[in-house]
PDB file of N, CA and C in Angstrom:
ATOM      1  N   MET A   1     -95.493 181.388  -1.957  1.00  0.00           N
ATOM      2  CA  MET A   1     -94.618 182.747  -2.717  1.00  0.00           C
ATOM      3  C   MET A   1     -96.001 183.113  -3.729  1.00  0.00           C
ATOM      4  N   GLY A   2     -96.345 184.529  -3.468  1.00  0.00           N
ATOM      5  CA  GLY A   2     -97.418 185.003  -4.262  1.00  0.00           C
ATOM      6  C   GLY A   2     -97.208 185.601  -5.450  1.00  0.00           C
ATOM      7  N   LYS A   3     -97.651 185.556  -6.823  1.00  0.00           N
ATOM      8  CA  LYS A   3     -97.425 185.761  -7.908  1.00  0.00           C
ATOM      9  C   LYS A   3     -97.176 187.465  -7.705  1.00  0.00           C
ATOM     10  N   LYS A   4     -96.226 188.329  -8.631  1.00  0.00           N
ATOM     11  CA  LYS A   4     -95.953 189.614  -8.360  1.00  0.00           C
ATOM     12  C   LYS A   4     -96.890 190.021  -9.945  1.00  0.00           C
ATOM     13  N   LYS A   5     -97.574 191.075  -9.336  1.00  0.00           N
ATOM     14  CA  LYS A   5     -98.499 191.465 -10.398  1.00  0.00           C
ATOM     15  C   LYS A   5     -97.772 192.521 -11.356  1.00  0.00           C
ATOM     16  N   PHE A   6     -97.888 192.525 -12.644  1.00  0.00           N
ATOM     17  CA  PHE A   6     -97.238 193.098 -13.598  1.00  0.00           C
ATOM     18  C   PHE A   6     -98.019 194.478 -13.698  1.00  0.00           C
ATOM     19  N   THR A   7     -97.188 195.675 -13.601  1.00  0.00           N
ATOM     20  CA  THR A   7     -97.289 197.143 -13.765  1.00  0.00           C
ATOM     21  C   THR A   7     -96.863 197.567 -15.325  1.00  0.00           C
ATOM     22  N   ALA A   8     -97.376 198.134 -15.753  1.00  0.00           N
ATOM     23  CA  ALA A   8     -97.111 198.644 -17.050  1.00  0.00           C
ATOM     24  C   ALA A   8     -96.650 199.963 -16.906  1.00  0.00           C
ATOM     25  N   LYS A   9     -95.640 200.735 -17.552  1.00  0.00           N
ATOM     26  CA  LYS A   9     -95.085 201.718 -17.671  1.00  0.00           C
ATOM     27  C   LYS A   9     -95.499 202.971 -18.004  1.00  0.00           C
ATOM     28  N   LEU A  10     -95.943 203.694 -16.682  1.00  0.00           N
ATOM     29  CA  LEU A  10     -96.813 204.778 -17.215  1.00  0.00           C
ATOM     30  C   LEU A  10     -95.965 206.271 -17.758  1.00  0.00           C
ATOM     31  N   LYS A  11     -96.992 206.749 -18.263  1.00  0.00           N
ATOM     32  CA  LYS A  11     -96.433 207.739 -19.438  1.00  0.00           C
ATOM     33  C   LYS A  11     -96.819 209.115 -18.161  1.00  0.00           C
ATOM     34  N   ILE A  12     -97.107 209.140 -17.450  1.00  0.00           N
ATOM     35  CA  ILE A  12     -97.438 210.352 -16.398  1.00  0.00           C
ATOM     36  C   ILE A  12     -96.358 209.965 -15.623  1.00  0.00           C
ATOM     37  N   LYS A  13     -95.551 211.029 -14.735  1.00  0.00           N
ATOM     38  CA  LYS A  13     -94.825 211.046 -13.918  1.00  0.00           C
ATOM     39  C   LYS A  13     -95.276 212.325 -12.742  1.00  0.00           C
ATOM     40  N   LYS A  14     -94.549 212.211 -11.440  1.00  0.00           N
ATOM     41  CA  LYS A  14     -94.776 212.996 -10.500  1.00  0.00           C
ATOM     42  C   LYS A  14     -94.103 214.133 -11.284  1.00  0.00           C
ATOM     43  N   GLY A  15     -94.879 215.808 -10.834  1.00  0.00           N
ATOM     44  CA  GLY A  15     -94.657 216.849 -10.981  1.00  0.00           C
ATOM     45  C   GLY A  15     -95.223 217.614 -12.991  1.00  0.00           C
ATOM     46  N   ASP A  16     -95.353 216.630 -13.251  1.00  0.00           N
ATOM     47  CA  ASP A  16     -95.961 216.437 -14.905  1.00  0.00           C
ATOM     48  C   ASP A  16     -97.444 217.391 -14.680  1.00  0.00           C
ATOM     49  N   THR A  17     -97.318 218.538 -16.143  1.00  0.00           N
ATOM     50  CA  THR A  17     -98.695 219.365 -15.639  1.00  0.00           C
ATOM     51  C   THR A  17     -99.803 218.515 -16.603  1.00  0.00           C
ATOM     52  N   VAL A  18    -100.820 217.919 -15.796  1.00  0.00           N
ATOM     53  CA  VAL A  18    -101.614 217.519 -17.167  1.00  0.00           C
ATOM     54  C   VAL A  18    -102.975 218.072 -17.311  1.00  0.00           C
ATOM     55  N   VAL A  19    -103.977 217.722 -18.272  1.00  0.00           N
ATOM     56  CA  VAL A  19    -105.497 218.348 -18.860  1.00  0.00           C
ATOM     57  C   VAL A  19    -106.071 216.827 -18.115  1.00  0.00           C
ATOM     58  N   VAL A  20    -107.528 217.219 -17.411  1.00  0.00           N
ATOM     59  CA  VAL A  20    -107.864 215.875 -17.260  1.00  0.00           C
ATOM     60  C   VAL A  20    -109.334 216.066 -18.453  1.00  0.00           C
ATOM     61  N   THR A  21    -109.251 214.819 -19.158  1.00  0.00           N
ATOM     62  CA  THR A  21    -109.904 214.498 -20.252  1.00  0.00           C
ATOM     63  C   THR A  21    -111.278 214.387 -19.963  1.00  0.00           C
ATOM     64  N   THR A  22    -112.073 213.741 -19.315  1.00  0.00           N
ATOM     65  CA  THR A  22    -113.168 213.107 -18.433  1.00  0.00           C
ATOM     66  C   THR A  22    -113.576 213.750 -17.091  1.00  0.00           C
ATOM     67  N   GLY A  23    -115.094 213.589 -17.314  1.00  0.00           N
ATOM     68  CA  GLY A  23    -115.438 213.466 -15.879  1.00  0.00           C
ATOM     69  C   GLY A  23    -115.915 215.176 -15.353  1.00  0.00           C
ATOM     70  N   ALA A  24    -116.339 215.090 -13.618  1.00  0.00           N
ATOM     71  CA  ALA A  24    -116.594 216.282 -13.241  1.00  0.00           C
ATOM     72  C   ALA A  24    -115.501 217.116 -13.141  1.00  0.00           C
ATOM     73  N   TYR A  25    -114.389 216.817 -13.481  1.00  0.00           N
ATOM     74  CA  TYR A  25    -113.331 218.070 -13.691  1.00  0.00           C
ATOM     75  C   TYR A  25    -112.700 218.047 -14.892  1.00  0.00           C
ATOM     76  N   LYS A  26    -113.772 217.662 -16.166  1.00  0.00           N
ATOM     77  CA  LYS A  26    -113.168 217.972 -17.418  1.00  0.00           C
ATOM     78  C   LYS A  26    -112.389 219.020 -17.495  1.00  0.00           C
ATOM     79  N   ASN A  27    -111.369 219.530 -18.397  1.00  0.00           N
ATOM     80  CA  ASN A  27    -110.812 220.187 -19.114  1.00  0.00           C
ATOM     81  C   ASN A  27    -109.705 221.218 -17.803  1.00  0.00           C
ATOM     82  N   LYS A  28    -109.568 220.483 -17.091  1.00  0.00           N
ATOM     83  CA  LYS A  28    -109.272 221.498 -15.765  1.00  0.00           C
ATOM     84  C   LYS A  28    -107.501 220.793 -15.853  1.00  0.00           C
ATOM     85  N   ARG A  29    -106.583 221.448 -15.687  1.00  0.00           N
ATOM     86  CA  ARG A  29    -105.189 221.879 -15.385  1.00  0.00           C
ATOM     87  C   ARG A  29    -104.589 221.291 -14.309  1.00  0.00           C
ATOM     88  N   GLY A  30    -103.600 220.746 -13.620  1.00  0.00           N
ATOM     89  CA  GLY A  30    -102.990 220.576 -12.724  1.00  0.00           C
ATOM     90  C   GLY A  30    -101.731 219.880 -12.901  1.00  0.00           C
ATOM     91  N   GLU A  31    -100.970 219.969 -11.328  1.00  0.00           N
ATOM     92  CA  GLU A  31     -99.832 219.048 -11.927  1.00  0.00           C
ATOM     93  C   GLU A  31     -99.951 217.590 -10.832  1.00  0.00           C
ATOM     94  N   VAL A  32     -99.156 216.929 -11.219  1.00  0.00           N
ATOM     95  CA  VAL A  32     -99.348 215.330 -10.898  1.00  0.00           C
ATOM     96  C   VAL A  32     -97.973 215.813  -9.206  1.00  0.00           C
ATOM     97  N   LEU A  33     -99.172 215.286  -8.105  1.00  0.00           N
ATOM     98  CA  LEU A  33     -98.574 215.392  -6.731  1.00  0.00           C
ATOM     99  C   LEU A  33     -98.189 213.883  -6.396  1.00  0.00           C
ATOM    100  N   GLU A  34     -98.916 212.899  -6.818  1.00  0.00           N
ATOM    101  CA  GLU A  34     -97.854 211.409  -6.644  1.00  0.00           C
ATOM    102  C   GLU A  34     -98.763 210.574  -7.322  1.00  0.00           C
ATOM    103  N   VAL A  35     -97.983 209.320  -7.836  1.00  0.00           N
ATOM    104  CA  VAL A  35     -98.780 208.432  -8.735  1.00  0.00           C
ATOM    105  C   VAL A  35     -98.789 207.179  -8.429  1.00  0.00           C
ATOM    106  N   PHE A  36     -99.552 206.324  -8.684  1.00  0.00           N
ATOM    107  CA  PHE A  36     -99.735 204.788  -8.102  1.00  0.00           C
ATOM    108  C   PHE A  36     -99.616 203.778  -8.851  1.00  0.00           C
ATOM    109  N   PRO A  37     -98.146 203.090  -9.186  1.00  0.00           N
ATOM    110  CA  PRO A  37     -98.715 202.696 -10.576  1.00  0.00           C
ATOM    111  C   PRO A  37     -99.179 201.249 -10.205  1.00  0.00           C
ATOM    112  N   GLY A  38     -98.966 200.746  -9.475  1.00  0.00           N
ATOM    113  CA  GLY A  38     -99.822 199.675  -9.416  1.00  0.00           C
ATOM    114  C   GLY A  38    -101.101 199.532  -9.320  1.00  0.00           C
ATOM    115  N   LYS A  39    -101.931 200.785  -8.931  1.00  0.00           N
ATOM    116  CA  LYS A  39    -103.139 200.972  -8.981  1.00  0.00           C
ATOM    117  C   LYS A  39    -103.660 201.788 -10.366  1.00  0.00           C
ATOM    118  N   ASN A  40    -102.600 202.121 -11.606  1.00  0.00           N
ATOM    119  CA  ASN A  40    -102.943 202.750 -12.663  1.00  0.00           C
ATOM    120  C   ASN A  40    -103.788 204.591 -11.972  1.00  0.00           C
ATOM    121  N   ARG A  41    -103.539 204.702 -10.758  1.00  0.00           N
ATOM    122  CA  ARG A  41    -103.770 206.196 -10.396  1.00  0.00           C
ATOM    123  C   ARG A  41    -102.761 207.465  -9.980  1.00  0.00           C
ATOM    124  N   ALA A  42    -103.220 208.255 -10.211  1.00  0.00           N
ATOM    125  CA  ALA A  42    -102.629 209.771  -9.703  1.00  0.00           C
ATOM    126  C   ALA A  42    -103.475 210.681  -9.246  1.00  0.00           C
ATOM    127  N   ILE A  43    -102.603 211.539  -7.734  1.00  0.00           N
ATOM    128  CA  ILE A  43    -103.247 212.592  -7.483  1.00  0.00           C
ATOM    129  C   ILE A  43    -102.506 213.773  -8.313  1.00  0.00           C
ATOM    130  N   VAL A  44    -104.026 214.500  -8.312  1.00  0.00           N
ATOM    131  CA  VAL A  44    -103.620 215.749  -9.608  1.00  0.00           C
ATOM    132  C   VAL A  44    -104.108 217.110  -8.372  1.00  0.00           C
ATOM    133  N   SER A  45    -103.082 218.410  -8.526  1.00  0.00           N
ATOM    134  CA  SER A  45    -103.448 219.303  -7.246  1.00  0.00           C
ATOM    135  C   SER A  45    -104.962 220.057  -8.040  1.00  0.00           C
ATOM    136  N   ASP A  46    -105.685 220.297  -6.782  1.00  0.00           N
ATOM    137  CA  ASP A  46    -106.930 220.889  -7.169  1.00  0.00           C
ATOM    138  C   ASP A  46    -107.906 220.319  -8.167  1.00  0.00           C
ATOM    139  N   VAL A  47    -107.442 218.784  -8.405  1.00  0.00           N
ATOM    140  CA  VAL A  47    -109.012 217.915  -9.067  1.00  0.00           C
ATOM    141  C   VAL A  47    -109.256 216.889  -8.298  1.00  0.00           C
ATOM    142  N   ASN A  48    -110.553 216.955  -8.237  1.00  0.00           N
ATOM    143  CA  ASN A  48    -111.105 215.405  -7.330  1.00  0.00           C
ATOM    144  C   ASN A  48    -110.844 215.655  -6.107  1.00  0.00           C
ATOM    145  N   LEU A  49    -111.301 216.737  -5.665  1.00  0.00           N
ATOM    146  CA  LEU A  49    -111.188 217.068  -4.003  1.00  0.00           C
ATOM    147  C   LEU A  49    -112.717 216.616  -3.448  1.00  0.00           C
ATOM    148  N   ARG A  50    -111.876 216.039  -2.251  1.00  0.00           N
ATOM    149  CA  ARG A  50    -112.995 215.474  -1.120  1.00  0.00           C
ATOM    150  C   ARG A  50    -112.673 216.290   0.163  1.00  0.00           C
ATOM    151  N   LYS A  51    -113.956 215.934   0.820  1.00  0.00           N
ATOM    152  CA  LYS A  51    -113.771 216.582   2.458  1.00  0.00           C
ATOM    153  C   LYS A  51    -113.214 216.147   3.251  1.00  0.00           C
ATOM    154  N   LYS A  52    -112.539 216.428   3.983  1.00  0.00           N
ATOM    155  CA  LYS A  52    -111.422 215.829   5.688  1.00  0.00           C
ATOM    156  C   LYS A  52    -112.016 216.187   6.932  1.00  0.00           C
ATOM    157  N   HIS A  53    -112.680 215.863   7.389  1.00  0.00           N
ATOM    158  CA  HIS A  53    -112.869 216.441   8.763  1.00  0.00           C
ATOM    159  C   HIS A  53    -112.058 215.945   9.796  1.00  0.00           C
ATOM    160  N   ASN A  54    -111.203 216.884  10.644  1.00  0.00           N
ATOM    161  CA  ASN A  54    -110.064 217.136  11.057  1.00  0.00           C
ATOM    162  C   ASN A  54    -110.419 217.335  13.007  1.00  0.00           C
ATOM    163  N   LYS A  55    -110.460 216.498  13.237  1.00  0.00           N
ATOM    164  CA  LYS A  55    -110.735 216.765  14.898  1.00  0.00           C
ATOM    165  C   LYS A  55    -109.427 217.507  15.715  1.00  0.00           C
ATOM    166  N   PRO A  56    -109.724 218.592  16.585  1.00  0.00           N
ATOM    167  CA  PRO A  56    -108.754 219.421  16.814  1.00  0.00           C
ATOM    168  C   PRO A  56    -108.008 218.756  17.660  1.00  0.00           C
ATOM    169  N   THR A  57    -106.711 218.643  17.776  1.00  0.00           N
ATOM    170  CA  THR A  57    -105.624 218.500  18.608  1.00  0.00           C
ATOM    171  C   THR A  57    -104.758 219.618  19.383  1.00  0.00           C
ATOM    172  N   GLN A  58    -103.668 219.075  20.294  1.00  0.00           N
ATOM    173  CA  GLN A  58    -102.842 220.323  20.726  1.00  0.00           C
ATOM    174  C   GLN A  58    -102.427 221.378  20.198  1.00  0.00           C
ATOM    175  N   ASP A  59    -101.902 220.914  18.897  1.00  0.00           N
ATOM    176  CA  ASP A  59    -100.782 221.869  17.955  1.00  0.00           C
ATOM    177  C   ASP A  59    -101.631 222.434  16.869  1.00  0.00           C
ATOM    178  N   GLN A  60    -103.001 221.506  16.568  1.00  0.00           N
ATOM    179  CA  GLN A  60    -103.749 222.176  15.123  1.00  0.00           C
ATOM    180  C   GLN A  60    -105.237 222.252  15.579  1.00  0.00           C
ATOM    181  N   ALA A  61    -105.878 223.143  14.829  1.00  0.00           N
ATOM    182  CA  ALA A  61    -107.167 223.116  15.258  1.00  0.00           C
ATOM    183  C   ALA A  61    -107.949 222.576  14.283  1.00  0.00           C
ATOM    184  N   GLY A  62    -108.722 221.746  14.704  1.00  0.00           N
ATOM    185  CA  GLY A  62    -109.887 221.044  14.066  1.00  0.00           C
ATOM    186  C   GLY A  62    -110.695 221.932  12.639  1.00  0.00           C
ATOM    187  N   GLY A  63    -111.326 220.939  11.994  1.00  0.00           N
ATOM    188  CA  GLY A  63    -112.185 221.612  10.811  1.00  0.00           C
ATOM    189  C   GLY A  63    -112.384 221.147   9.543  1.00  0.00           C
ATOM    190  N   ILE A  64    -112.676 221.816   8.341  1.00  0.00           N
ATOM    191  CA  ILE A  64    -113.105 220.712   7.290  1.00  0.00           C
ATOM    192  C   ILE A  64    -112.283 221.325   6.290  1.00  0.00           C
ATOM    193  N   THR A  65    -111.315 220.281   6.029  1.00  0.00           N
ATOM    194  CA  THR A  65    -109.898 220.832   4.860  1.00  0.00           C
ATOM    195  C   THR A  65    -110.635 219.897   3.678  1.00  0.00           C
ATOM    196  N   ASP A  66    -110.242 220.764   2.146  1.00  0.00           N
ATOM    197  CA  ASP A  66    -109.867 219.779   1.004  1.00  0.00           C
ATOM    198  C   ASP A  66    -108.886 219.165   0.650  1.00  0.00           C
ATOM    199  N   ILE A  67    -109.332 217.954   0.342  1.00  0.00           N
ATOM    200  CA  ILE A  67    -107.569 217.412   0.256  1.00  0.00           C
ATOM    201  C   ILE A  67    -107.981 216.651  -1.311  1.00  0.00           C
ATOM    202  N   PRO A  68    -107.237 216.446  -2.392  1.00  0.00           N
ATOM    203  CA  PRO A  68    -107.337 215.675  -3.376  1.00  0.00           C
ATOM    204  C   PRO A  68    -107.145 214.231  -3.173  1.00  0.00           C
ATOM    205  N   ALA A  69    -107.958 213.691  -4.341  1.00  0.00           N
ATOM    206  CA  ALA A  69    -108.026 212.139  -4.113  1.00  0.00           C
ATOM    207  C   ALA A  69    -107.823 211.817  -5.652  1.00  0.00           C
ATOM    208  N   SER A  70    -107.506 210.550  -5.724  1.00  0.00           N
ATOM    209  CA  SER A  70    -106.503 209.732  -6.598  1.00  0.00           C
ATOM    210  C   SER A  70    -107.703 209.671  -7.696  1.00  0.00           C
ATOM    211  N   ILE A  71    -107.164 209.799  -8.871  1.00  0.00           N
ATOM    212  CA  ILE A  71    -107.865 210.000 -10.517  1.00  0.00           C
ATOM    213  C   ILE A  71    -107.134 208.817 -11.313  1.00  0.00           C
ATOM    214  N   HIS A  72    -108.155 208.272 -12.524  1.00  0.00           N
ATOM    215  CA  HIS A  72    -107.296 206.970 -13.073  1.00  0.00           C
ATOM    216  C   HIS A  72    -106.682 207.494 -13.992  1.00  0.00           C
ATOM    217  N   ILE A  73    -105.506 207.231 -14.218  1.00  0.00           N
ATOM    218  CA  ILE A  73    -104.477 207.554 -15.048  1.00  0.00           C
ATOM    219  C   ILE A  73    -105.173 207.873 -16.721  1.00  0.00           C
ATOM    220  N   SER A  74    -105.837 206.785 -16.708  1.00  0.00           N
ATOM    221  CA  SER A  74    -106.602 206.979 -18.028  1.00  0.00           C
ATOM    222  C   SER A  74    -107.770 208.358 -18.187  1.00  0.00           C
ATOM    223  N   ASN A  75    -108.024 209.040 -17.376  1.00  0.00           N
ATOM    224  CA  ASN A  75    -108.496 209.991 -17.452  1.00  0.00           C
ATOM    225  C   ASN A  75    -107.536 211.363 -17.832  1.00  0.00           C
ATOM    226  N   LEU A  76    -106.141 211.171 -17.714  1.00  0.00           N
ATOM    227  CA  LEU A  76    -105.408 212.491 -17.602  1.00  0.00           C
ATOM    228  C   LEU A  76    -104.563 212.436 -19.026  1.00  0.00           C
ATOM    229  N   MET A  77    -104.120 213.515 -19.424  1.00  0.00           N
ATOM    230  CA  MET A  77    -103.243 213.638 -20.492  1.00  0.00           C
ATOM    231  C   MET A  77    -102.434 214.911 -20.367  1.00  0.00           C
ATOM    232  N   LEU A  78    -101.165 214.485 -21.111  1.00  0.00           N
ATOM    233  CA  LEU A  78     -99.711 215.220 -20.935  1.00  0.00           C
ATOM    234  C   LEU A  78    -100.256 216.414 -21.405  1.00  0.00           C
ATOM    235  N   VAL A  79     -99.323 217.666 -20.777  1.00  0.00           N
ATOM    236  CA  VAL A  79     -99.393 218.855 -21.696  1.00  0.00           C
ATOM    237  C   VAL A  79     -98.529 219.279 -22.420  1.00  0.00           C
ATOM    238  N   ASP A  80     -98.223 219.438 -23.645  1.00  0.00           N
ATOM    239  CA  ASP A  80     -97.496 219.820 -24.523  1.00  0.00           C
ATOM    240  C   ASP A  80     -96.501 220.872 -24.065  1.00  0.00           C
ATOM    241  N   PRO A  81     -95.425 220.850 -23.682  1.00  0.00           N
ATOM    242  CA  PRO A  81     -94.521 221.932 -23.351  1.00  0.00           C
ATOM    243  C   PRO A  81     -94.190 222.667 -24.559  1.00  0.00           C
ATOM    244  N   LYS A  82     -94.617 222.398 -26.002  1.00  0.00           N
ATOM    245  CA  LYS A  82     -94.504 223.667 -26.656  1.00  0.00           C
ATOM    246  C   LYS A  82     -95.969 224.526 -26.926  1.00  0.00           C
ATOM    247  N   SER A  83     -96.915 223.786 -27.127  1.00  0.00           N
ATOM    248  CA  SER A  83     -98.280 224.683 -27.590  1.00  0.00           C
ATOM    249  C   SER A  83     -98.671 224.610 -26.203  1.00  0.00           C
ATOM    250  N   GLY A  84     -98.820 223.507 -25.609  1.00  0.00           N
ATOM    251  CA  GLY A  84     -99.517 223.899 -23.853  1.00  0.00           C
ATOM    252  C   GLY A  84    -101.409 223.059 -24.478  1.00  0.00           C
ATOM    253  N   ASN A  85    -101.130 222.412 -25.470  1.00  0.00           N
ATOM    254  CA  ASN A  85    -102.052 221.683 -25.593  1.00  0.00           C
ATOM    255  C   ASN A  85    -102.042 220.062 -25.357  1.00  0.00           C
ATOM    256  N   PRO A  86    -103.085 219.483 -24.932  1.00  0.00           N
ATOM    257  CA  PRO A  86    -103.146 218.015 -24.799  1.00  0.00           C
ATOM    258  C   PRO A  86    -102.391 216.910 -25.539  1.00  0.00           C
ATOM    259  N   THR A  87    -101.168 216.093 -25.336  1.00  0.00           N
ATOM    260  CA  THR A  87    -101.064 215.255 -26.147  1.00  0.00           C
ATOM    261  C   THR A  87    -100.530 214.165 -25.687  1.00  0.00           C
ATOM    262  N   ARG A  88    -100.366 213.090 -26.506  1.00  0.00           N
ATOM    263  CA  ARG A  88    -100.223 211.751 -26.188  1.00  0.00           C
ATOM    264  C   ARG A  88     -98.527 211.777 -25.910  1.00  0.00           C
ATOM    265  N   VAL A  89     -97.843 210.620 -25.519  1.00  0.00           N
ATOM    266  CA  VAL A  89     -96.886 210.237 -25.091  1.00  0.00           C
ATOM    267  C   VAL A  89     -95.832 209.069 -25.802  1.00  0.00           C
ATOM    268  N   GLY A  90     -94.807 209.252 -26.359  1.00  0.00           N
ATOM    269  CA  GLY A  90     -93.976 208.405 -26.928  1.00  0.00           C
ATOM    270  C   GLY A  90     -92.875 208.346 -25.871  1.00  0.00           C
ATOM    271  N   ARG A  91     -92.068 207.280 -26.644  1.00  0.00           N
ATOM    272  CA  ARG A  91     -90.961 206.709 -26.109  1.00  0.00           C
ATOM    273  C   ARG A  91     -89.687 206.376 -26.872  1.00  0.00           C
ATOM    274  N   LYS A  92     -88.453 207.091 -26.897  1.00  0.00           N
ATOM    275  CA  LYS A  92     -87.493 207.116 -27.754  1.00  0.00           C
ATOM    276  C   LYS A  92     -86.052 207.025 -27.297  1.00  0.00           C
ATOM    277  N   VAL A  93     -85.217 206.134 -27.960  1.00  0.00           N
ATOM    278  CA  VAL A  93     -84.168 206.031 -27.312  1.00  0.00           C
ATOM    279  C   VAL A  93     -83.274 207.889 -27.471  1.00  0.00           C
ATOM    280  N   GLU A  94     -82.492 208.089 -27.234  1.00  0.00           N
ATOM    281  CA  GLU A  94     -81.941 209.147 -27.329  1.00  0.00           C
ATOM    282  C   GLU A  94     -80.263 209.551 -26.407  1.00  0.00           C
ATOM    283  N   ALA A  95     -79.469 209.534 -26.950  1.00  0.00           N
ATOM    284  CA  ALA A  95     -78.032 209.252 -26.391  1.00  0.00           C
ATOM    285  C   ALA A  95     -77.956 208.083 -25.530  1.00  0.00           C
ATOM    286  N   GLY A  96     -78.283 207.301 -26.001  1.00  0.00           N
ATOM    287  CA  GLY A  96     -78.550 206.148 -24.785  1.00  0.00           C
ATOM    288  C   GLY A  96     -79.572 206.034 -23.983  1.00  0.00           C
ATOM    289  N   LYS A  97     -79.977 207.090 -23.831  1.00  0.00           N
ATOM    290  CA  LYS A  97     -81.397 207.215 -22.485  1.00  0.00           C
ATOM    291  C   LYS A  97     -82.524 206.750 -23.164  1.00  0.00           C
ATOM    292  N   LEU A  98     -83.683 206.474 -22.808  1.00  0.00           N
ATOM    293  CA  LEU A  98     -84.781 206.402 -23.024  1.00  0.00           C
ATOM    294  C   LEU A  98     -85.607 207.627 -22.461  1.00  0.00           C
ATOM    295  N   VAL A  99     -86.297 208.373 -23.172  1.00  0.00           N
ATOM    296  CA  VAL A  99     -86.752 209.361 -23.140  1.00  0.00           C
ATOM    297  C   VAL A  99     -88.118 209.757 -23.531  1.00  0.00           C
ATOM    298  N   ARG A 100     -89.342 210.634 -23.315  1.00  0.00           N
ATOM    299  CA  ARG A 100     -90.170 210.906 -23.648  1.00  0.00           C
ATOM    300  C   ARG A 100     -90.417 212.023 -24.208  1.00  0.00           C
ATOM    301  N   TYR A 101     -91.339 212.045 -25.386  1.00  0.00           N
ATOM    302  CA  TYR A 101     -91.593 212.664 -25.958  1.00  0.00           C
ATOM    303  C   TYR A 101     -92.878 212.854 -26.577  1.00  0.00           C
ATOM    304  N   SER A 102     -93.200 214.308 -26.977  1.00  0.00           N
ATOM    305  CA  SER A 102     -94.576 214.748 -27.298  1.00  0.00           C
ATOM    306  C   SER A 102     -94.952 214.267 -28.511  1.00  0.00           C
ATOM    307  N   LYS A 103     -96.027 213.487 -28.947  1.00  0.00           N
ATOM    308  CA  LYS A 103     -96.333 212.928 -30.176  1.00  0.00           C
ATOM    309  C   LYS A 103     -96.863 214.174 -31.055  1.00  0.00           C
ATOM    310  N   LYS A 104     -97.378 215.161 -30.582  1.00  0.00           N
ATOM    311  CA  LYS A 104     -97.825 216.259 -31.157  1.00  0.00           C
ATOM    312  C   LYS A 104     -96.810 217.247 -32.107  1.00  0.00           C
ATOM    313  N   SER A 105     -95.786 217.701 -31.042  1.00  0.00           N
ATOM    314  CA  SER A 105     -94.804 218.896 -31.369  1.00  0.00           C
ATOM    315  C   SER A 105     -93.189 217.747 -31.617  1.00  0.00           C
ATOM    316  N   GLY A 106     -93.337 216.842 -31.303  1.00  0.00           N
ATOM    317  CA  GLY A 106     -91.921 215.925 -31.077  1.00  0.00           C
ATOM    318  C   GLY A 106     -91.103 216.402 -30.259  1.00  0.00           C
ATOM    319  N   GLU A 107     -91.515 217.529 -29.263  1.00  0.00           N
ATOM    320  CA  GLU A 107     -90.565 217.842 -28.527  1.00  0.00           C
ATOM    321  C   GLU A 107     -90.397 216.798 -27.084  1.00  0.00           C
ATOM    322  N   ILE A 108     -89.110 216.738 -26.993  1.00  0.00           N
ATOM    323  CA  ILE A 108     -88.613 216.041 -25.562  1.00  0.00           C
ATOM    324  C   ILE A 108     -89.083 216.628 -24.513  1.00  0.00           C
ATOM    325  N   ILE A 109     -90.018 215.941 -23.339  1.00  0.00           N
ATOM    326  CA  ILE A 109     -90.962 215.925 -22.463  1.00  0.00           C
ATOM    327  C   ILE A 109     -89.354 216.033 -20.918  1.00  0.00           C
ATOM    328  N   LYS A 110     -89.384 217.082 -20.524  1.00  0.00           N
ATOM    329  CA  LYS A 110     -88.238 216.655 -19.293  1.00  0.00           C
ATOM    330  C   LYS A 110     -88.964 216.046 -18.199  1.00  0.00           C
TER     331      LYS A 110
END
């Protein structure tokens, strides 16, 4: 029996709008398309694009397409719903449910 690897609870979810804080795509905004908690990585639309060479098939033409590759979670910050600026994320219990909130404005993130 293998040991189960611990994965921390991530502050970013699918559908969130995030800002890239470092790297070649710094200050670029995008929507989170997919999150990989085990690897601490996420795929963000129009960020970290890679070329994919596709062979033609019977129903699809071949060619070169851009696909987004994953980026590390530590290089992303959630966008504050009130001001639109990058913000840190906190968690608190409200009405018996754990919710995420913006540390800058205090507003609850849906």
